[in-house]
Structure formats: C-alpha cells, structure tokens
C-alpha cells in the first residue's frame, strides 16, 4: 500500500504551499492507481523546490517551510539583477520549465507561452 501526504503534516506552511502539495499528492495518487510514472515538478518551480526541500532536508535541522524565493536555484548572473528583476527572472524560468515539463507528461497538450 502506498501513502501520499501533503500540507502541514509534511512540514509545509502557508495556504499556497499546502494547496500545491495537495495537488501533487492527488496527481500522484491518480497516476499510481493508473500504473503511470509519478510526477515531480522541476526544481526551478516553486512547487518543485518546496517538495524537494521537505523530502531532502536533513532530519536534525528540518524546519517547516513556506514558499519563498530562497528555495529556488539561483539564476546565472543574478548578482547584477535588482530584486524585482531577479524575481521576474525566477518567474519566467519557472513558467518556461513548467510548460516544457507539462507537455512532456501529457498534462498539457499545446504550448501557451
């Protein structure tokens, strides 16, 4: 028997993170029941970065976490970007990577960007 957990029980704080983790758990439950490969969102997306944090943090140092830009891998050359530009670059990269990921899994049928 396989169990899928989401939300505060796994150490995610905040409404958005809890909803995102529930979405991932629900998608993976459905995929598991259909014998399909489980999804794991790209680390460059907030959902992927948050899920990676709660599944890979060291147990002795684990702290509950909410969605924040510090979880995302840095943008190359981001030392020269102002905060607003850096956050926009994170967003642009995440949308591009998420779309490619969804197309590859058949979650999305056509490109929207």
PDB file of N, CA and C in Angstrom:
ATOM      1  N   UNK A   1       0.844  -1.176   0.000  1.00  0.00           N
ATOM      2  CA  UNK A   1       0.000   0.000   0.000  1.00  0.00           C
ATOM      3  C   UNK A   1       0.890   1.241   0.000  1.00  0.00           C
ATOM      4  N   UNK A   2       0.541   2.211  -0.811  1.00  0.00           N
ATOM      5  CA  UNK A   2       1.286   3.461  -0.914  1.00  0.00           C
ATOM      6  C   UNK A   2       0.475   4.584  -0.278  1.00  0.00           C
ATOM      7  N   UNK A   3       1.160   5.444   0.449  1.00  0.00           N
ATOM      8  CA  UNK A   3       0.522   6.599   1.070  1.00  0.00           C
ATOM      9  C   UNK A   3       1.092   7.866   0.455  1.00  0.00           C
ATOM     10  N   UNK A   4       0.250   8.875   0.285  1.00  0.00           N
ATOM     11  CA  UNK A   4       0.661  10.182  -0.216  1.00  0.00           C
ATOM     12  C   UNK A   4       0.259  11.222   0.819  1.00  0.00           C
ATOM     13  N   UNK A   5       1.219  12.007   1.261  1.00  0.00           N
ATOM     14  CA  UNK A   5       0.973  13.027   2.269  1.00  0.00           C
ATOM     15  C   UNK A   5       1.172  14.415   1.668  1.00  0.00           C
ATOM     16  N   UNK A   6       0.525  15.390   2.286  1.00  0.00           N
ATOM     17  CA  UNK A   6       0.625  16.765   1.808  1.00  0.00           C
ATOM     18  C   UNK A   6       0.368  17.720   2.962  1.00  0.00           C
ATOM     19  N   UNK A   7       0.732  18.963   2.761  1.00  0.00           N
ATOM     20  CA  UNK A   7       0.388  20.018   3.702  1.00  0.00           C
ATOM     21  C   UNK A   7       1.227  20.065   4.955  1.00  0.00           C
ATOM     22  N   UNK A   8       0.605  20.504   6.040  1.00  0.00           N
ATOM     23  CA  UNK A   8       1.332  20.735   7.282  1.00  0.00           C
ATOM     24  C   UNK A   8       1.948  19.468   7.855  1.00  0.00           C
ATOM     25  N   UNK A   9       1.365  18.329   7.619  1.00  0.00           N
ATOM     26  CA  UNK A   9       1.894  17.077   8.166  1.00  0.00           C
ATOM     27  C   UNK A   9       3.291  16.758   7.626  1.00  0.00           C
ATOM     28  N   UNK A  10       3.618  17.276   6.446  1.00  0.00           N
ATOM     29  CA  UNK A  10       4.953  17.037   5.884  1.00  0.00           C
ATOM     30  C   UNK A  10       5.892  18.223   6.104  1.00  0.00           C
ATOM     31  N   UNK A  11       5.402  19.271   6.728  1.00  0.00           N
ATOM     32  CA  UNK A  11       6.263  20.409   7.054  1.00  0.00           C
ATOM     33  C   UNK A  11       6.140  21.586   6.119  1.00  0.00           C
ATOM     34  N   UNK A  12       5.026  21.676   5.413  1.00  0.00           N
ATOM     35  CA  UNK A  12       4.808  22.818   4.518  1.00  0.00           C
ATOM     36  C   UNK A  12       3.891  23.808   5.228  1.00  0.00           C
ATOM     37  N   UNK A  13       4.265  25.064   5.190  1.00  0.00           N
ATOM     38  CA  UNK A  13       3.465  26.112   5.804  1.00  0.00           C
ATOM     39  C   UNK A  13       2.875  27.008   4.720  1.00  0.00           C
ATOM     40  N   UNK A  14       1.758  27.608   5.026  1.00  0.00           N
ATOM     41  CA  UNK A  14       1.129  28.563   4.113  1.00  0.00           C
ATOM     42  C   UNK A  14       0.102  27.905   3.213  1.00  0.00           C
ATOM     43  N   UNK A  15      -0.931  28.665   2.892  1.00  0.00           N
ATOM     44  CA  UNK A  15      -2.028  28.152   2.083  1.00  0.00           C
ATOM     45  C   UNK A  15      -1.578  27.690   0.696  1.00  0.00           C
ATOM     46  N   UNK A  16      -0.761  28.498   0.038  1.00  0.00           N
ATOM     47  CA  UNK A  16      -0.344  28.177  -1.331  1.00  0.00           C
ATOM     48  C   UNK A  16       0.475  26.892  -1.361  1.00  0.00           C
ATOM     49  N   UNK A  17       1.432  26.768  -0.456  1.00  0.00           N
ATOM     50  CA  UNK A  17       2.243  25.564  -0.399  1.00  0.00           C
ATOM     51  C   UNK A  17       1.427  24.329  -0.062  1.00  0.00           C
ATOM     52  N   UNK A  18       0.476  24.483   0.844  1.00  0.00           N
ATOM     53  CA  UNK A  18      -0.376  23.347   1.206  1.00  0.00           C
ATOM     54  C   UNK A  18      -1.253  22.912   0.032  1.00  0.00           C
ATOM     55  N   UNK A  19      -1.809  23.866  -0.678  1.00  0.00           N
ATOM     56  CA  UNK A  19      -2.617  23.531  -1.856  1.00  0.00           C
ATOM     57  C   UNK A  19      -1.746  22.862  -2.921  1.00  0.00           C
ATOM     58  N   UNK A  20      -0.556  23.409  -3.166  1.00  0.00           N
ATOM     59  CA  UNK A  20       0.345  22.836  -4.170  1.00  0.00           C
ATOM     60  C   UNK A  20       0.739  21.413  -3.811  1.00  0.00           C
ATOM     61  N   UNK A  21       1.055  21.168  -2.537  1.00  0.00           N
ATOM     62  CA  UNK A  21       1.440  19.817  -2.140  1.00  0.00           C
ATOM     63  C   UNK A  21       0.257  18.859  -2.249  1.00  0.00           C
ATOM     64  N   UNK A  22      -0.947  19.331  -1.981  1.00  0.00           N
ATOM     65  CA  UNK A  22      -2.143  18.507  -2.160  1.00  0.00           C
ATOM     66  C   UNK A  22      -2.378  18.171  -3.613  1.00  0.00           C
ATOM     67  N   UNK A  23      -2.121  19.133  -4.486  1.00  0.00           N
ATOM     68  CA  UNK A  23      -2.258  18.894  -5.927  1.00  0.00           C
ATOM     69  C   UNK A  23      -1.280  17.811  -6.379  1.00  0.00           C
ATOM     70  N   UNK A  24      -0.034  17.919  -5.948  1.00  0.00           N
ATOM     71  CA  UNK A  24       0.986  16.935  -6.325  1.00  0.00           C
ATOM     72  C   UNK A  24       0.607  15.557  -5.772  1.00  0.00           C
ATOM     73  N   UNK A  25       0.180  15.506  -4.518  1.00  0.00           N
ATOM     74  CA  UNK A  25      -0.215  14.225  -3.917  1.00  0.00           C
ATOM     75  C   UNK A  25      -1.406  13.620  -4.670  1.00  0.00           C
ATOM     76  N   UNK A  26      -2.394  14.446  -5.007  1.00  0.00           N
ATOM     77  CA  UNK A  26      -3.560  13.953  -5.742  1.00  0.00           C
ATOM     78  C   UNK A  26      -3.209  13.462  -7.137  1.00  0.00           C
ATOM     79  N   UNK A  27      -2.372  14.224  -7.823  1.00  0.00           N
ATOM     80  CA  UNK A  27      -1.937  13.805  -9.158  1.00  0.00           C
ATOM     81  C   UNK A  27      -1.189  12.480  -9.079  1.00  0.00           C
ATOM     82  N   UNK A  28      -0.312  12.358  -8.091  1.00  0.00           N
ATOM     83  CA  UNK A  28       0.476  11.142  -7.986  1.00  0.00           C
ATOM     84  C   UNK A  28      -0.352   9.946  -7.539  1.00  0.00           C
ATOM     85  N   UNK A  29      -1.363  10.169  -6.724  1.00  0.00           N
ATOM     86  CA  UNK A  29      -2.268   9.078  -6.363  1.00  0.00           C
ATOM     87  C   UNK A  29      -2.973   8.559  -7.613  1.00  0.00           C
ATOM     88  N   UNK A  30      -3.511   9.470  -8.418  1.00  0.00           N
ATOM     89  CA  UNK A  30      -4.197   9.071  -9.653  1.00  0.00           C
ATOM     90  C   UNK A  30      -3.238   8.352 -10.602  1.00  0.00           C
ATOM     91  N   UNK A  31      -2.039   8.880 -10.740  1.00  0.00           N
ATOM     92  CA  UNK A  31      -1.049   8.255 -11.630  1.00  0.00           C
ATOM     93  C   UNK A  31      -0.645   6.887 -11.104  1.00  0.00           C
ATOM     94  N   UNK A  32      -0.494   6.758  -9.802  1.00  0.00           N
ATOM     95  CA  UNK A  32      -0.140   5.473  -9.202  1.00  0.00           C
ATOM     96  C   UNK A  32      -1.229   4.431  -9.459  1.00  0.00           C
ATOM     97  N   UNK A  33      -2.467   4.820  -9.276  1.00  0.00           N
ATOM     98  CA  UNK A  33      -3.584   3.901  -9.500  1.00  0.00           C
ATOM     99  C   UNK A  33      -3.699   3.472 -10.954  1.00  0.00           C
ATOM    100  N   UNK A  34      -3.226   4.327 -11.868  1.00  0.00           N
ATOM    101  CA  UNK A  34      -3.257   4.013 -13.297  1.00  0.00           C
ATOM    102  C   UNK A  34      -1.960   3.385 -13.792  1.00  0.00           C
ATOM    103  N   UNK A  35      -1.042   3.087 -12.862  1.00  0.00           N
ATOM    104  CA  UNK A  35       0.219   2.461 -13.243  1.00  0.00           C
ATOM    105  C   UNK A  35       1.151   3.387 -14.007  1.00  0.00           C
ATOM    106  N   UNK A  36       0.993   4.690 -13.815  1.00  0.00           N
ATOM    107  CA  UNK A  36       1.816   5.676 -14.517  1.00  0.00           C
ATOM    108  C   UNK A  36       2.952   6.168 -13.629  1.00  0.00           C
ATOM    109  N   UNK A  37       3.965   6.730 -14.267  1.00  0.00           N
ATOM    110  CA  UNK A  37       5.103   7.306 -13.556  1.00  0.00           C
ATOM    111  C   UNK A  37       4.639   8.498 -12.717  1.00  0.00           C
ATOM    112  N   UNK A  38       5.161   8.597 -11.496  1.00  0.00           N
ATOM    113  CA  UNK A  38       4.797   9.713 -10.622  1.00  0.00           C
ATOM    114  C   UNK A  38       5.446  11.000 -11.108  1.00  0.00           C
ATOM    115  N   UNK A  39       4.797  12.119 -10.830  1.00  0.00           N
ATOM    116  CA  UNK A  39       5.325  13.421 -11.245  1.00  0.00           C
ATOM    117  C   UNK A  39       6.142  14.039 -10.115  1.00  0.00           C
ATOM    118  N   UNK A  40       7.142  14.776 -10.506  1.00  0.00           N
ATOM    119  CA  UNK A  40       7.985  15.525  -9.594  1.00  0.00           C
ATOM    120  C   UNK A  40       8.339  16.811 -10.325  1.00  0.00           C
ATOM    121  N   UNK A  41       7.738  17.910  -9.926  1.00  0.00           N
ATOM    122  CA  UNK A  41       7.881  19.164 -10.651  1.00  0.00           C
ATOM    123  C   UNK A  41       9.335  19.641 -10.671  1.00  0.00           C
ATOM    124  N   UNK A  42       9.726  20.379 -11.718  1.00  0.00           N
ATOM    125  CA  UNK A  42      11.105  20.873 -11.824  1.00  0.00           C
ATOM    126  C   UNK A  42      11.504  21.701 -10.599  1.00  0.00           C
ATOM    127  N   UNK A  43      12.761  21.586 -10.196  1.00  0.00           N
ATOM    128  CA  UNK A  43      13.267  22.333  -9.042  1.00  0.00           C
ATOM    129  C   UNK A  43      13.241  23.835  -9.265  1.00  0.00           C
ATOM    130  N   UNK A  44      13.122  24.264 -10.500  1.00  0.00           N
ATOM    131  CA  UNK A  44      13.080  25.697 -10.806  1.00  0.00           C
ATOM    132  C   UNK A  44      11.689  26.279 -10.604  1.00  0.00           C
ATOM    133  N   UNK A  45      10.701  25.425 -10.301  1.00  0.00           N
ATOM    134  CA  UNK A  45       9.360  25.911  -9.974  1.00  0.00           C
ATOM    135  C   UNK A  45       9.220  25.943  -8.456  1.00  0.00           C
ATOM    136  N   UNK A  46       8.375  26.792  -7.947  1.00  0.00           N
ATOM    137  CA  UNK A  46       8.200  26.885  -6.501  1.00  0.00           C
ATOM    138  C   UNK A  46       7.660  25.569  -5.939  1.00  0.00           C
ATOM    139  N   UNK A  47       6.742  24.943  -6.644  1.00  0.00           N
ATOM    140  CA  UNK A  47       6.204  23.656  -6.179  1.00  0.00           C
ATOM    141  C   UNK A  47       7.309  22.610  -6.125  1.00  0.00           C
ATOM    142  N   UNK A  48       8.104  22.516  -7.167  1.00  0.00           N
ATOM    143  CA  UNK A  48       9.197  21.549  -7.202  1.00  0.00           C
ATOM    144  C   UNK A  48      10.226  21.820  -6.122  1.00  0.00           C
ATOM    145  N   UNK A  49      10.580  23.083  -5.926  1.00  0.00           N
ATOM    146  CA  UNK A  49      11.583  23.446  -4.919  1.00  0.00           C
ATOM    147  C   UNK A  49      11.076  23.157  -3.508  1.00  0.00           C
ATOM    148  N   UNK A  50       9.807  23.445  -3.260  1.00  0.00           N
ATOM    149  CA  UNK A  50       9.226  23.200  -1.940  1.00  0.00           C
ATOM    150  C   UNK A  50       9.123  21.703  -1.651  1.00  0.00           C
ATOM    151  N   UNK A  51       8.688  20.933  -2.645  1.00  0.00           N
ATOM    152  CA  UNK A  51       8.602  19.482  -2.462  1.00  0.00           C
ATOM    153  C   UNK A  51       9.996  18.889  -2.252  1.00  0.00           C
ATOM    154  N   UNK A  52      10.977  19.412  -2.977  1.00  0.00           N
ATOM    155  CA  UNK A  52      12.354  18.921  -2.820  1.00  0.00           C
ATOM    156  C   UNK A  52      12.862  19.237  -1.417  1.00  0.00           C
ATOM    157  N   UNK A  53      12.579  20.423  -0.930  1.00  0.00           N
ATOM    158  CA  UNK A  53      13.031  20.795   0.412  1.00  0.00           C
ATOM    159  C   UNK A  53      12.487  19.827   1.458  1.00  0.00           C
ATOM    160  N   UNK A  54      11.178  19.578   1.461  1.00  0.00           N
ATOM    161  CA  UNK A  54      10.593  18.746   2.520  1.00  0.00           C
ATOM    162  C   UNK A  54      10.975  17.272   2.378  1.00  0.00           C
ATOM    163  N   UNK A  55      11.419  16.851   1.210  1.00  0.00           N
ATOM    164  CA  UNK A  55      11.802  15.449   1.040  1.00  0.00           C
ATOM    165  C   UNK A  55      13.309  15.223   1.128  1.00  0.00           C
ATOM    166  N   UNK A  56      14.101  16.280   1.122  1.00  0.00           N
ATOM    167  CA  UNK A  56      15.554  16.115   1.137  1.00  0.00           C
ATOM    168  C   UNK A  56      16.276  16.851   2.274  1.00  0.00           C
ATOM    169  N   UNK A  57      15.565  17.562   3.112  1.00  0.00           N
ATOM    170  CA  UNK A  57      16.208  18.282   4.217  1.00  0.00           C
ATOM    171  C   UNK A  57      16.739  17.280   5.247  1.00  0.00           C
ATOM    172  N   UNK A  58      17.829  17.638   5.907  1.00  0.00           N
ATOM    173  CA  UNK A  58      18.372  16.791   6.960  1.00  0.00           C
ATOM    174  C   UNK A  58      17.419  16.789   8.146  1.00  0.00           C
ATOM    175  N   UNK A  59      17.112  15.610   8.649  1.00  0.00           N
ATOM    176  CA  UNK A  59      16.117  15.466   9.711  1.00  0.00           C
ATOM    177  C   UNK A  59      16.451  16.297  10.953  1.00  0.00           C
ATOM    178  N   UNK A  60      17.719  16.311  11.374  1.00  0.00           N
ATOM    179  CA  UNK A  60      18.074  17.022  12.607  1.00  0.00           C
ATOM    180  C   UNK A  60      17.992  18.535  12.463  1.00  0.00           C
ATOM    181  N   UNK A  61      18.039  19.053  11.234  1.00  0.00           N
ATOM    182  CA  UNK A  61      17.961  20.501  11.017  1.00  0.00           C
ATOM    183  C   UNK A  61      16.668  20.943  10.354  1.00  0.00           C
ATOM    184  N   UNK A  62      15.707  20.033  10.186  1.00  0.00           N
ATOM    185  CA  UNK A  62      14.489  20.345   9.446  1.00  0.00           C
ATOM    186  C   UNK A  62      13.670  21.421  10.159  1.00  0.00           C
ATOM    187  N   UNK A  63      13.208  22.375   9.372  1.00  0.00           N
ATOM    188  CA  UNK A  63      12.293  23.407   9.836  1.00  0.00           C
ATOM    189  C   UNK A  63      11.126  23.462   8.863  1.00  0.00           C
ATOM    190  N   UNK A  64       9.884  23.573   9.354  1.00  0.00           N
ATOM    191  CA  UNK A  64       8.764  23.742   8.423  1.00  0.00           C
ATOM    192  C   UNK A  64       9.038  24.931   7.506  1.00  0.00           C
ATOM    193  N   UNK A  65       8.567  24.843   6.269  1.00  0.00           N
ATOM    194  CA  UNK A  65       8.924  25.848   5.268  1.00  0.00           C
ATOM    195  C   UNK A  65       7.695  26.286   4.485  1.00  0.00           C
ATOM    196  N   UNK A  66       7.678  27.559   4.144  1.00  0.00           N
ATOM    197  CA  UNK A  66       6.663  28.065   3.221  1.00  0.00           C
ATOM    198  C   UNK A  66       7.362  28.476   1.932  1.00  0.00           C
ATOM    199  N   UNK A  67       6.589  28.686   0.906  1.00  0.00           N
ATOM    200  CA  UNK A  67       7.143  29.065  -0.391  1.00  0.00           C
ATOM    201  C   UNK A  67       7.931  30.371  -0.259  1.00  0.00           C
ATOM    202  N   UNK A  68       9.174  30.361  -0.764  1.00  0.00           N
ATOM    203  CA  UNK A  68       9.992  31.568  -0.774  1.00  0.00           C
ATOM    204  C   UNK A  68      11.072  31.426  -1.840  1.00  0.00           C
ATOM    205  N   UNK A  69      11.518  32.543  -2.357  1.00  0.00           N
ATOM    206  CA  UNK A  69      12.485  32.549  -3.449  1.00  0.00           C
ATOM    207  C   UNK A  69      13.827  31.920  -3.063  1.00  0.00           C
ATOM    208  N   UNK A  70      14.147  31.859  -1.790  1.00  0.00           N
ATOM    209  CA  UNK A  70      15.392  31.264  -1.340  1.00  0.00           C
ATOM    210  C   UNK A  70      15.486  29.767  -1.618  1.00  0.00           C
ATOM    211  N   UNK A  71      14.366  29.116  -1.884  1.00  0.00           N
ATOM    212  CA  UNK A  71      14.356  27.686  -2.198  1.00  0.00           C
ATOM    213  C   UNK A  71      14.769  27.401  -3.647  1.00  0.00           C
ATOM    214  N   UNK A  72      14.649  28.403  -4.500  1.00  0.00           N
ATOM    215  CA  UNK A  72      14.907  28.205  -5.929  1.00  0.00           C
ATOM    216  C   UNK A  72      16.400  28.242  -6.244  1.00  0.00           C
ATOM    217  N   UNK A  73      16.835  27.440  -7.222  1.00  0.00           N
ATOM    218  CA  UNK A  73      18.227  27.535  -7.655  1.00  0.00           C
ATOM    219  C   UNK A  73      18.486  28.933  -8.227  1.00  0.00           C
ATOM    220  N   UNK A  74      19.679  29.467  -8.003  1.00  0.00           N
ATOM    221  CA  UNK A  74      19.948  30.831  -8.482  1.00  0.00           C
ATOM    222  C   UNK A  74      19.910  30.941 -10.005  1.00  0.00           C
ATOM    223  N   UNK A  75      19.595  32.131 -10.447  1.00  0.00           N
ATOM    224  CA  UNK A  75      19.642  32.469 -11.866  1.00  0.00           C
ATOM    225  C   UNK A  75      21.097  32.828 -12.166  1.00  0.00           C
ATOM    226  N   UNK A  76      21.658  32.278 -13.246  1.00  0.00           N
ATOM    227  CA  UNK A  76      23.043  32.616 -13.566  1.00  0.00           C
ATOM    228  C   UNK A  76      23.150  34.120 -13.810  1.00  0.00           C
ATOM    229  N   UNK A  77      24.123  34.727 -13.172  1.00  0.00           N
ATOM    230  CA  UNK A  77      24.333  36.159 -13.315  1.00  0.00           C
ATOM    231  C   UNK A  77      23.384  37.004 -12.499  1.00  0.00           C
ATOM    232  N   UNK A  78      22.661  36.409 -11.518  1.00  0.00           N
ATOM    233  CA  UNK A  78      21.660  37.168 -10.780  1.00  0.00           C
ATOM    234  C   UNK A  78      22.253  38.163  -9.779  1.00  0.00           C
ATOM    235  N   UNK A  79      23.570  38.152  -9.607  1.00  0.00           N
ATOM    236  CA  UNK A  79      24.186  39.122  -8.706  1.00  0.00           C
ATOM    237  C   UNK A  79      24.021  40.547  -9.212  1.00  0.00           C
ATOM    238  N   UNK A  80      23.807  40.683 -10.508  1.00  0.00           N
ATOM    239  CA  UNK A  80      23.686  42.015 -11.104  1.00  0.00           C
ATOM    240  C   UNK A  80      22.231  42.457 -11.253  1.00  0.00           C
ATOM    241  N   UNK A  81      21.311  41.587 -10.864  1.00  0.00           N
ATOM    242  CA  UNK A  81      19.893  41.917 -11.002  1.00  0.00           C
ATOM    243  C   UNK A  81      19.356  42.516  -9.707  1.00  0.00           C
ATOM    244  N   UNK A  82      18.499  43.500  -9.855  1.00  0.00           N
ATOM    245  CA  UNK A  82      17.797  44.022  -8.692  1.00  0.00           C
ATOM    246  C   UNK A  82      16.754  42.999  -8.273  1.00  0.00           C
ATOM    247  N   UNK A  83      16.263  43.126  -7.050  1.00  0.00           N
ATOM    248  CA  UNK A  83      15.330  42.144  -6.503  1.00  0.00           C
ATOM    249  C   UNK A  83      14.127  41.919  -7.424  1.00  0.00           C
ATOM    250  N   UNK A  84      13.503  43.000  -7.886  1.00  0.00           N
ATOM    251  CA  UNK A  84      12.323  42.873  -8.747  1.00  0.00           C
ATOM    252  C   UNK A  84      12.668  42.147 -10.052  1.00  0.00           C
ATOM    253  N   UNK A  85      13.810  42.481 -10.647  1.00  0.00           N
ATOM    254  CA  UNK A  85      14.241  41.817 -11.892  1.00  0.00           C
ATOM    255  C   UNK A  85      14.583  40.354 -11.646  1.00  0.00           C
ATOM    256  N   UNK A  86      15.209  40.065 -10.501  1.00  0.00           N
ATOM    257  CA  UNK A  86      15.571  38.688 -10.164  1.00  0.00           C
ATOM    258  C   UNK A  86      14.314  37.842  -9.974  1.00  0.00           C
ATOM    259  N   UNK A  87      13.334  38.378  -9.268  1.00  0.00           N
ATOM    260  CA  UNK A  87      12.086  37.642  -9.053  1.00  0.00           C
ATOM    261  C   UNK A  87      11.352  37.417 -10.368  1.00  0.00           C
ATOM    262  N   UNK A  88      11.405  38.390 -11.263  1.00  0.00           N
ATOM    263  CA  UNK A  88      10.791  38.219 -12.587  1.00  0.00           C
ATOM    264  C   UNK A  88      11.526  37.139 -13.367  1.00  0.00           C
ATOM    265  N   UNK A  89      12.846  37.109 -13.263  1.00  0.00           N
ATOM    266  CA  UNK A  89      13.637  36.080 -13.949  1.00  0.00           C
ATOM    267  C   UNK A  89      13.308  34.691 -13.395  1.00  0.00           C
ATOM    268  N   UNK A  90      13.145  34.568 -12.068  1.00  0.00           N
ATOM    269  CA  UNK A  90      12.734  33.294 -11.469  1.00  0.00           C
ATOM    270  C   UNK A  90      11.380  32.852 -12.027  1.00  0.00           C
ATOM    271  N   UNK A  91      10.461  33.793 -12.090  1.00  0.00           N
ATOM    272  CA  UNK A  91       9.115  33.503 -12.586  1.00  0.00           C
ATOM    273  C   UNK A  91       9.125  33.081 -14.049  1.00  0.00           C
ATOM    274  N   UNK A  92       9.854  33.830 -14.876  1.00  0.00           N
ATOM    275  CA  UNK A  92       9.937  33.497 -16.306  1.00  0.00           C
ATOM    276  C   UNK A  92      10.532  32.104 -16.513  1.00  0.00           C
ATOM    277  N   UNK A  93      11.618  31.811 -15.778  1.00  0.00           N
ATOM    278  CA  UNK A  93      12.254  30.499 -15.901  1.00  0.00           C
ATOM    279  C   UNK A  93      11.306  29.389 -15.447  1.00  0.00           C
ATOM    280  N   UNK A  94      10.610  29.615 -14.343  1.00  0.00           N
ATOM    281  CA  UNK A  94       9.689  28.603 -13.816  1.00  0.00           C
ATOM    282  C   UNK A  94       8.562  28.315 -14.805  1.00  0.00           C
ATOM    283  N   UNK A  95       7.977  29.360 -15.374  1.00  0.00           N
ATOM    284  CA  UNK A  95       6.886  29.157 -16.335  1.00  0.00           C
ATOM    285  C   UNK A  95       7.361  28.392 -17.570  1.00  0.00           C
ATOM    286  N   UNK A  96       8.530  28.745 -18.066  1.00  0.00           N
ATOM    287  CA  UNK A  96       9.088  28.068 -19.236  1.00  0.00           C
ATOM    288  C   UNK A  96       9.350  26.586 -18.924  1.00  0.00           C
ATOM    289  N   UNK A  97       9.992  26.320 -17.783  1.00  0.00           N
ATOM    290  CA  UNK A  97      10.303  24.937 -17.410  1.00  0.00           C
ATOM    291  C   UNK A  97       9.054  24.129 -17.076  1.00  0.00           C
ATOM    292  N   UNK A  98       8.078  24.763 -16.434  1.00  0.00           N
ATOM    293  CA  UNK A  98       6.839  24.067 -16.094  1.00  0.00           C
ATOM    294  C   UNK A  98       6.070  23.692 -17.352  1.00  0.00           C
ATOM    295  N   UNK A  99       6.012  24.598 -18.305  1.00  0.00           N
ATOM    296  CA  UNK A  99       5.315  24.293 -19.552  1.00  0.00           C
ATOM    297  C   UNK A  99       5.975  23.117 -20.274  1.00  0.00           C
ATOM    298  N   UNK A 100       7.280  23.125 -20.376  1.00  0.00           N
ATOM    299  CA  UNK A 100       8.002  22.023 -21.032  1.00  0.00           C
ATOM    300  C   UNK A 100       7.750  20.713 -20.295  1.00  0.00           C
ATOM    301  N   UNK A 101       7.763  20.762 -18.973  1.00  0.00           N
ATOM    302  CA  UNK A 101       7.527  19.579 -18.151  1.00  0.00           C
ATOM    303  C   UNK A 101       6.112  19.033 -18.376  1.00  0.00           C
ATOM    304  N   UNK A 102       5.123  19.925 -18.348  1.00  0.00           N
ATOM    305  CA  UNK A 102       3.727  19.503 -18.516  1.00  0.00           C
ATOM    306  C   UNK A 102       3.481  18.938 -19.911  1.00  0.00           C
ATOM    307  N   UNK A 103       4.094  19.530 -20.904  1.00  0.00           N
ATOM    308  CA  UNK A 103       3.971  18.994 -22.265  1.00  0.00           C
ATOM    309  C   UNK A 103       4.583  17.602 -22.354  1.00  0.00           C
ATOM    310  N   UNK A 104       5.718  17.393 -21.700  1.00  0.00           N
ATOM    311  CA  UNK A 104       6.393  16.093 -21.768  1.00  0.00           C
ATOM    312  C   UNK A 104       5.600  14.992 -21.076  1.00  0.00           C
ATOM    313  N   UNK A 105       4.811  15.333 -20.066  1.00  0.00           N
ATOM    314  CA  UNK A 105       3.999  14.353 -19.352  1.00  0.00           C
ATOM    315  C   UNK A 105       2.576  14.245 -19.896  1.00  0.00           C
ATOM    316  N   UNK A 106       2.253  15.036 -20.903  1.00  0.00           N
ATOM    317  CA  UNK A 106       0.907  14.995 -21.455  1.00  0.00           C
ATOM    318  C   UNK A 106      -0.128  15.662 -20.566  1.00  0.00           C
ATOM    319  N   UNK A 107       0.327  16.414 -19.549  1.00  0.00           N
ATOM    320  CA  UNK A 107      -0.592  17.132 -18.683  1.00  0.00           C
ATOM    321  C   UNK A 107      -1.190  18.316 -19.420  1.00  0.00           C
ATOM    322  N   UNK A 108      -0.426  18.800 -20.384  1.00  0.00           N
ATOM    323  CA  UNK A 108      -0.819  19.952 -21.199  1.00  0.00           C
ATOM    324  C   UNK A 108      -0.586  19.547 -22.654  1.00  0.00           C
ATOM    325  N   UNK A 109      -1.483  19.917 -23.526  1.00  0.00           N
ATOM    326  CA  UNK A 109      -1.402  19.453 -24.902  1.00  0.00           C
ATOM    327  C   UNK A 109      -0.713  20.411 -25.863  1.00  0.00           C
ATOM    328  N   UNK A 110      -0.858  21.722 -25.624  1.00  0.00           N
ATOM    329  CA  UNK A 110      -0.250  22.706 -26.529  1.00  0.00           C
ATOM    330  C   UNK A 110       0.444  23.794 -25.715  1.00  0.00           C
ATOM    331  N   UNK A 111       1.425  24.420 -26.334  1.00  0.00           N
ATOM    332  CA  UNK A 111       2.181  25.476 -25.696  1.00  0.00           C
ATOM    333  C   UNK A 111       1.323  26.721 -25.548  1.00  0.00           C
ATOM    334  N   UNK A 112       1.490  27.427 -24.417  1.00  0.00           N
ATOM    335  CA  UNK A 112       0.750  28.682 -24.209  1.00  0.00           C
ATOM    336  C   UNK A 112       1.681  29.874 -24.113  1.00  0.00           C
ATOM    337  N   UNK A 113       2.991  29.619 -24.034  1.00  0.00           N
ATOM    338  CA  UNK A 113       3.932  30.742 -23.921  1.00  0.00           C
ATOM    339  C   UNK A 113       4.507  31.118 -25.259  1.00  0.00           C
TER     340      UNK A 113
END
